[in-house]
Amino acid sequence: MSSSSPAIARRAVILGALALGGCGFTPVYGTQGAGGVLRNAVDIETPATREGFRLRARVEDRLGRTTSPRYRLRVTLDIDASPIAITTQQDTTRYNLPGIATWTLMEMGDDTPIANGQVDTFTAYSAAGTTVATREAEGDARDRLGTALADLIITRLMIAAQDL
């Protein structure tokens, strides 16, 4: 009975691959995928903040750095930390860090949007211990937030790239 389990799993994988191929599925980063249009072709404008820096770095990691861009991606960020755990002595022990990124993709030299949208996510950090530990935790949370927002934007860009 245990020998039939791997055989069933293999058959399921093969049938799944055939079904995806039959429905027109194309890997976004494949040779015919939409992601190739944006590879090494996007100049990124982000706010001069820690989150903006992380967002820019993540987009460049995923799409490549360009020397002759075809497109410009302009991103604005709205980030506001808020206390979510307060002790009976009124000390804050945890902060929520929600972020909203509004993005616009344009062709270079033209401010007409060809794709745009808004993504949001959040992270949190503890404010326990020393001031130094809290600042480090906040910095790490801001880095995570910038990276997460970038990943969400790239997902939307890959969808939009099908129409470019």
C-alpha atoms as a PDB file:
ATOM      1  CA  MET A   1       0.000   0.000   0.000  1.00  0.00           C
ATOM      2  CA  SER A   2       2.841   2.389   0.738  1.00  0.00           C
ATOM      3  CA  SER A   3       4.349   1.753  -2.715  1.00  0.00           C
ATOM      4  CA  SER A   4       1.181   3.023  -4.443  1.00  0.00           C
ATOM      5  CA  SER A   5       1.292   6.356  -2.617  1.00  0.00           C
ATOM      6  CA  PRO A   6       4.359   7.694  -4.541  1.00  0.00           C
ATOM      7  CA  ALA A   7       2.828   6.475  -7.803  1.00  0.00           C
ATOM      8  CA  ILE A   8      -0.394   8.341  -7.074  1.00  0.00           C
ATOM      9  CA  ALA A   9       1.570  11.477  -6.188  1.00  0.00           C
ATOM     10  CA  ARG A  10       3.529  11.263  -9.466  1.00  0.00           C
ATOM     11  CA  ARG A  11       0.327  10.879 -11.451  1.00  0.00           C
ATOM     12  CA  ALA A  12      -1.212  13.868  -9.681  1.00  0.00           C
ATOM     13  CA  VAL A  13       1.814  16.043 -10.505  1.00  0.00           C
ATOM     14  CA  ILE A  14       1.776  14.974 -14.159  1.00  0.00           C
ATOM     15  CA  LEU A  15      -1.969  15.562 -14.484  1.00  0.00           C
ATOM     16  CA  GLY A  16      -1.620  18.949 -12.773  1.00  0.00           C
ATOM     17  CA  ALA A  17       1.137  19.990 -15.183  1.00  0.00           C
ATOM     18  CA  LEU A  18      -0.967  18.922 -18.163  1.00  0.00           C
ATOM     19  CA  ALA A  19      -3.967  20.850 -16.854  1.00  0.00           C
ATOM     20  CA  LEU A  20      -1.907  24.024 -16.378  1.00  0.00           C
ATOM     21  CA  GLY A  21      -0.408  23.702 -19.843  1.00  0.00           C
ATOM     22  CA  GLY A  22      -3.826  23.198 -21.371  1.00  0.00           C
ATOM     23  CA  CYS A  23      -5.336  26.288 -19.762  1.00  0.00           C
ATOM     24  CA  GLY A  24      -2.712  28.678 -21.163  1.00  0.00           C
ATOM     25  CA  PHE A  25      -0.673  29.044 -17.975  1.00  0.00           C
ATOM     26  CA  THR A  26       2.673  30.733 -18.653  1.00  0.00           C
ATOM     27  CA  PRO A  27       5.283  31.303 -15.943  1.00  0.00           C
ATOM     28  CA  VAL A  28       5.613  35.043 -15.407  1.00  0.00           C
ATOM     29  CA  TYR A  29       9.426  34.871 -15.526  1.00  0.00           C
ATOM     30  CA  GLY A  30       9.525  32.270 -18.332  1.00  0.00           C
ATOM     31  CA  THR A  31      10.728  32.965 -21.874  1.00  0.00           C
ATOM     32  CA  GLN A  32       7.201  33.921 -22.959  1.00  0.00           C
ATOM     33  CA  GLY A  33       6.201  35.387 -19.575  1.00  0.00           C
ATOM     34  CA  ALA A  34       5.042  38.945 -18.961  1.00  0.00           C
ATOM     35  CA  GLY A  35       7.763  39.550 -16.359  1.00  0.00           C
ATOM     36  CA  GLY A  36      10.439  39.753 -19.049  1.00  0.00           C
ATOM     37  CA  VAL A  37       9.035  43.098 -20.224  1.00  0.00           C
ATOM     38  CA  LEU A  38       9.972  44.730 -16.906  1.00  0.00           C
ATOM     39  CA  ARG A  39      13.320  42.963 -16.369  1.00  0.00           C
ATOM     40  CA  ASN A  40      16.098  45.606 -16.152  1.00  0.00           C
ATOM     41  CA  ALA A  41      13.669  48.195 -17.556  1.00  0.00           C
ATOM     42  CA  VAL A  42      12.213  50.027 -14.531  1.00  0.00           C
ATOM     43  CA  ASP A  43      13.585  53.154 -12.844  1.00  0.00           C
ATOM     44  CA  ILE A  44      12.221  53.455  -9.312  1.00  0.00           C
ATOM     45  CA  GLU A  45      11.309  56.646  -7.430  1.00  0.00           C
ATOM     46  CA  THR A  46      10.682  56.161  -3.709  1.00  0.00           C
ATOM     47  CA  PRO A  47      10.623  58.463  -0.686  1.00  0.00           C
ATOM     48  CA  ALA A  48      13.973  59.126   1.001  1.00  0.00           C
ATOM     49  CA  THR A  49      13.072  57.053   4.052  1.00  0.00           C
ATOM     50  CA  ARG A  50      14.258  53.771   5.493  1.00  0.00           C
ATOM     51  CA  GLU A  51      11.179  52.009   4.114  1.00  0.00           C
ATOM     52  CA  GLY A  52      11.631  53.703   0.736  1.00  0.00           C
ATOM     53  CA  PHE A  53      15.231  52.525   0.571  1.00  0.00           C
ATOM     54  CA  ARG A  54      14.238  48.929   1.391  1.00  0.00           C
ATOM     55  CA  LEU A  55      11.395  49.043  -1.117  1.00  0.00           C
ATOM     56  CA  ARG A  56      13.719  50.299  -3.863  1.00  0.00           C
ATOM     57  CA  ALA A  57      16.367  47.693  -3.050  1.00  0.00           C
ATOM     58  CA  ARG A  58      13.815  44.867  -3.137  1.00  0.00           C
ATOM     59  CA  VAL A  59      12.336  45.978  -6.470  1.00  0.00           C
ATOM     60  CA  GLU A  60      15.851  46.202  -7.938  1.00  0.00           C
ATOM     61  CA  ASP A  61      16.653  42.733  -6.563  1.00  0.00           C
ATOM     62  CA  ARG A  62      13.559  41.254  -8.181  1.00  0.00           C
ATOM     63  CA  LEU A  63      13.409  43.226 -11.453  1.00  0.00           C
ATOM     64  CA  GLY A  64      17.068  44.116 -11.913  1.00  0.00           C
ATOM     65  CA  ARG A  65      18.849  47.446 -11.890  1.00  0.00           C
ATOM     66  CA  THR A  66      18.588  49.413 -15.098  1.00  0.00           C
ATOM     67  CA  THR A  67      20.964  51.729 -16.940  1.00  0.00           C
ATOM     68  CA  SER A  68      18.532  52.580 -19.741  1.00  0.00           C
ATOM     69  CA  PRO A  69      14.999  52.400 -18.334  1.00  0.00           C
ATOM     70  CA  ARG A  70      11.844  52.065 -20.432  1.00  0.00           C
ATOM     71  CA  TYR A  71       9.522  52.629 -17.480  1.00  0.00           C
ATOM     72  CA  ARG A  72       9.391  54.702 -14.307  1.00  0.00           C
ATOM     73  CA  LEU A  73       7.794  53.364 -11.133  1.00  0.00           C
ATOM     74  CA  ARG A  74       6.803  56.125  -8.730  1.00  0.00           C
ATOM     75  CA  VAL A  75       5.904  55.027  -5.195  1.00  0.00           C
ATOM     76  CA  THR A  76       4.567  57.081  -2.291  1.00  0.00           C
ATOM     77  CA  LEU A  77       4.337  55.665   1.212  1.00  0.00           C
ATOM     78  CA  ASP A  78       1.990  56.322   4.110  1.00  0.00           C
ATOM     79  CA  ILE A  79       3.313  54.727   7.305  1.00  0.00           C
ATOM     80  CA  ASP A  80       2.198  55.436  10.846  1.00  0.00           C
ATOM     81  CA  ALA A  81       3.212  53.525  13.981  1.00  0.00           C
ATOM     82  CA  SER A  82       0.544  53.079  16.623  1.00  0.00           C
ATOM     83  CA  PRO A  83       0.690  51.514  20.099  1.00  0.00           C
ATOM     84  CA  ILE A  84      -1.203  48.225  20.390  1.00  0.00           C
ATOM     85  CA  ALA A  85      -0.131  46.889  23.798  1.00  0.00           C
ATOM     86  CA  ILE A  86      -0.151  49.206  26.808  1.00  0.00           C
ATOM     87  CA  THR A  87       0.503  48.102  30.373  1.00  0.00           C
ATOM     88  CA  THR A  88      -1.526  49.204  33.390  1.00  0.00           C
ATOM     89  CA  GLN A  89       1.311  51.673  34.079  1.00  0.00           C
ATOM     90  CA  GLN A  90       0.611  53.214  30.636  1.00  0.00           C
ATOM     91  CA  ASP A  91       3.864  51.920  29.118  1.00  0.00           C
ATOM     92  CA  THR A  92       3.681  50.849  25.485  1.00  0.00           C
ATOM     93  CA  THR A  93       5.153  47.380  24.962  1.00  0.00           C
ATOM     94  CA  ARG A  94       4.216  46.745  21.320  1.00  0.00           C
ATOM     95  CA  TYR A  95       3.674  48.889  18.241  1.00  0.00           C
ATOM     96  CA  ASN A  96       1.766  48.187  15.049  1.00  0.00           C
ATOM     97  CA  LEU A  97       3.370  49.528  11.868  1.00  0.00           C
ATOM     98  CA  PRO A  98       0.835  49.631   9.014  1.00  0.00           C
ATOM     99  CA  GLY A  99       1.934  50.845   5.605  1.00  0.00           C
ATOM    100  CA  ILE A 100       0.224  51.860   2.384  1.00  0.00           C
ATOM    101  CA  ALA A 101       2.157  52.153  -0.876  1.00  0.00           C
ATOM    102  CA  THR A 102       0.559  53.965  -3.794  1.00  0.00           C
ATOM    103  CA  TRP A 103       2.342  53.199  -7.056  1.00  0.00           C
ATOM    104  CA  THR A 104       2.239  54.398 -10.644  1.00  0.00           C
ATOM    105  CA  LEU A 105       4.045  52.878 -13.633  1.00  0.00           C
ATOM    106  CA  MET A 106       4.735  55.239 -16.535  1.00  0.00           C
ATOM    107  CA  GLU A 107       6.787  55.158 -19.701  1.00  0.00           C
ATOM    108  CA  MET A 108       9.953  57.242 -19.427  1.00  0.00           C
ATOM    109  CA  GLY A 109       9.367  60.799 -20.590  1.00  0.00           C
ATOM    110  CA  ASP A 110       5.596  60.518 -20.212  1.00  0.00           C
ATOM    111  CA  ASP A 111       3.659  61.112 -16.988  1.00  0.00           C
ATOM    112  CA  THR A 112       0.603  59.230 -18.237  1.00  0.00           C
ATOM    113  CA  PRO A 113       0.046  56.180 -16.018  1.00  0.00           C
ATOM    114  CA  ILE A 114       0.021  52.847 -17.815  1.00  0.00           C
ATOM    115  CA  ALA A 115      -0.651  50.970 -14.567  1.00  0.00           C
ATOM    116  CA  ASN A 116      -1.261  52.062 -10.996  1.00  0.00           C
ATOM    117  CA  GLY A 117      -2.574  50.830  -7.718  1.00  0.00           C
ATOM    118  CA  GLN A 118      -2.310  50.720  -3.974  1.00  0.00           C
ATOM    119  CA  VAL A 119      -1.095  47.946  -1.690  1.00  0.00           C
ATOM    120  CA  ASP A 120      -1.072  47.718   2.071  1.00  0.00           C
ATOM    121  CA  THR A 121       0.297  45.487   4.783  1.00  0.00           C
ATOM    122  CA  PHE A 122       1.583  45.774   8.319  1.00  0.00           C
ATOM    123  CA  THR A 123       4.209  44.548  10.700  1.00  0.00           C
ATOM    124  CA  ALA A 124       4.782  45.068  14.407  1.00  0.00           C
ATOM    125  CA  TYR A 125       7.588  45.311  16.919  1.00  0.00           C
ATOM    126  CA  SER A 126       8.115  45.055  20.659  1.00  0.00           C
ATOM    127  CA  ALA A 127       9.145  48.002  22.789  1.00  0.00           C
ATOM    128  CA  ALA A 128      10.627  45.963  25.603  1.00  0.00           C
ATOM    129  CA  GLY A 129      13.965  46.445  27.263  1.00  0.00           C
ATOM    130  CA  THR A 130      16.225  49.365  26.495  1.00  0.00           C
ATOM    131  CA  THR A 131      15.785  52.319  24.172  1.00  0.00           C
ATOM    132  CA  VAL A 132      18.494  50.896  21.921  1.00  0.00           C
ATOM    133  CA  ALA A 133      16.694  47.534  21.666  1.00  0.00           C
ATOM    134  CA  THR A 134      13.406  49.275  20.871  1.00  0.00           C
ATOM    135  CA  ARG A 135      15.023  51.405  18.148  1.00  0.00           C
ATOM    136  CA  GLU A 136      16.625  48.314  16.615  1.00  0.00           C
ATOM    137  CA  ALA A 137      13.297  46.466  16.690  1.00  0.00           C
ATOM    138  CA  GLU A 138      11.580  49.434  15.046  1.00  0.00           C
ATOM    139  CA  GLY A 139      14.268  49.661  12.364  1.00  0.00           C
ATOM    140  CA  ASP A 140      13.959  45.956  11.624  1.00  0.00           C
ATOM    141  CA  ALA A 141      10.164  46.280  11.405  1.00  0.00           C
ATOM    142  CA  ARG A 142      10.485  49.201   8.979  1.00  0.00           C
ATOM    143  CA  ASP A 143      12.869  47.133   6.827  1.00  0.00           C
ATOM    144  CA  ARG A 144      10.393  44.234   6.792  1.00  0.00           C
ATOM    145  CA  LEU A 145       7.559  46.599   5.897  1.00  0.00           C
ATOM    146  CA  GLY A 146       9.450  48.090   2.933  1.00  0.00           C
ATOM    147  CA  THR A 147      10.306  44.618   1.641  1.00  0.00           C
ATOM    148  CA  ALA A 148       6.735  43.342   2.035  1.00  0.00           C
ATOM    149  CA  LEU A 149       5.269  46.379   0.248  1.00  0.00           C
ATOM    150  CA  ALA A 150       7.763  45.912  -2.600  1.00  0.00           C
ATOM    151  CA  ASP A 151       6.762  42.265  -3.013  1.00  0.00           C
ATOM    152  CA  LEU A 152       3.088  43.242  -3.175  1.00  0.00           C
ATOM    153  CA  ILE A 153       3.815  45.938  -5.780  1.00  0.00           C
ATOM    154  CA  ILE A 154       5.846  43.521  -7.905  1.00  0.00           C
ATOM    155  CA  THR A 155       2.980  41.030  -7.881  1.00  0.00           C
ATOM    156  CA  ARG A 156       0.650  43.759  -9.212  1.00  0.00           C
ATOM    157  CA  LEU A 157       3.273  44.825 -11.775  1.00  0.00           C
ATOM    158  CA  MET A 158       3.554  41.264 -13.103  1.00  0.00           C
ATOM    159  CA  ILE A 159      -0.199  41.204 -13.631  1.00  0.00           C
ATOM    160  CA  ALA A 160      -0.105  44.618 -15.350  1.00  0.00           C
ATOM    161  CA  ALA A 161       2.880  43.586 -17.512  1.00  0.00           C
ATOM    162  CA  GLN A 162       0.632  41.232 -19.473  1.00  0.00           C
ATOM    163  CA  ASP A 163      -0.896  44.319 -21.126  1.00  0.00           C
ATOM    164  CA  LEU A 164       2.375  46.147 -21.883  1.00  0.00           C
END
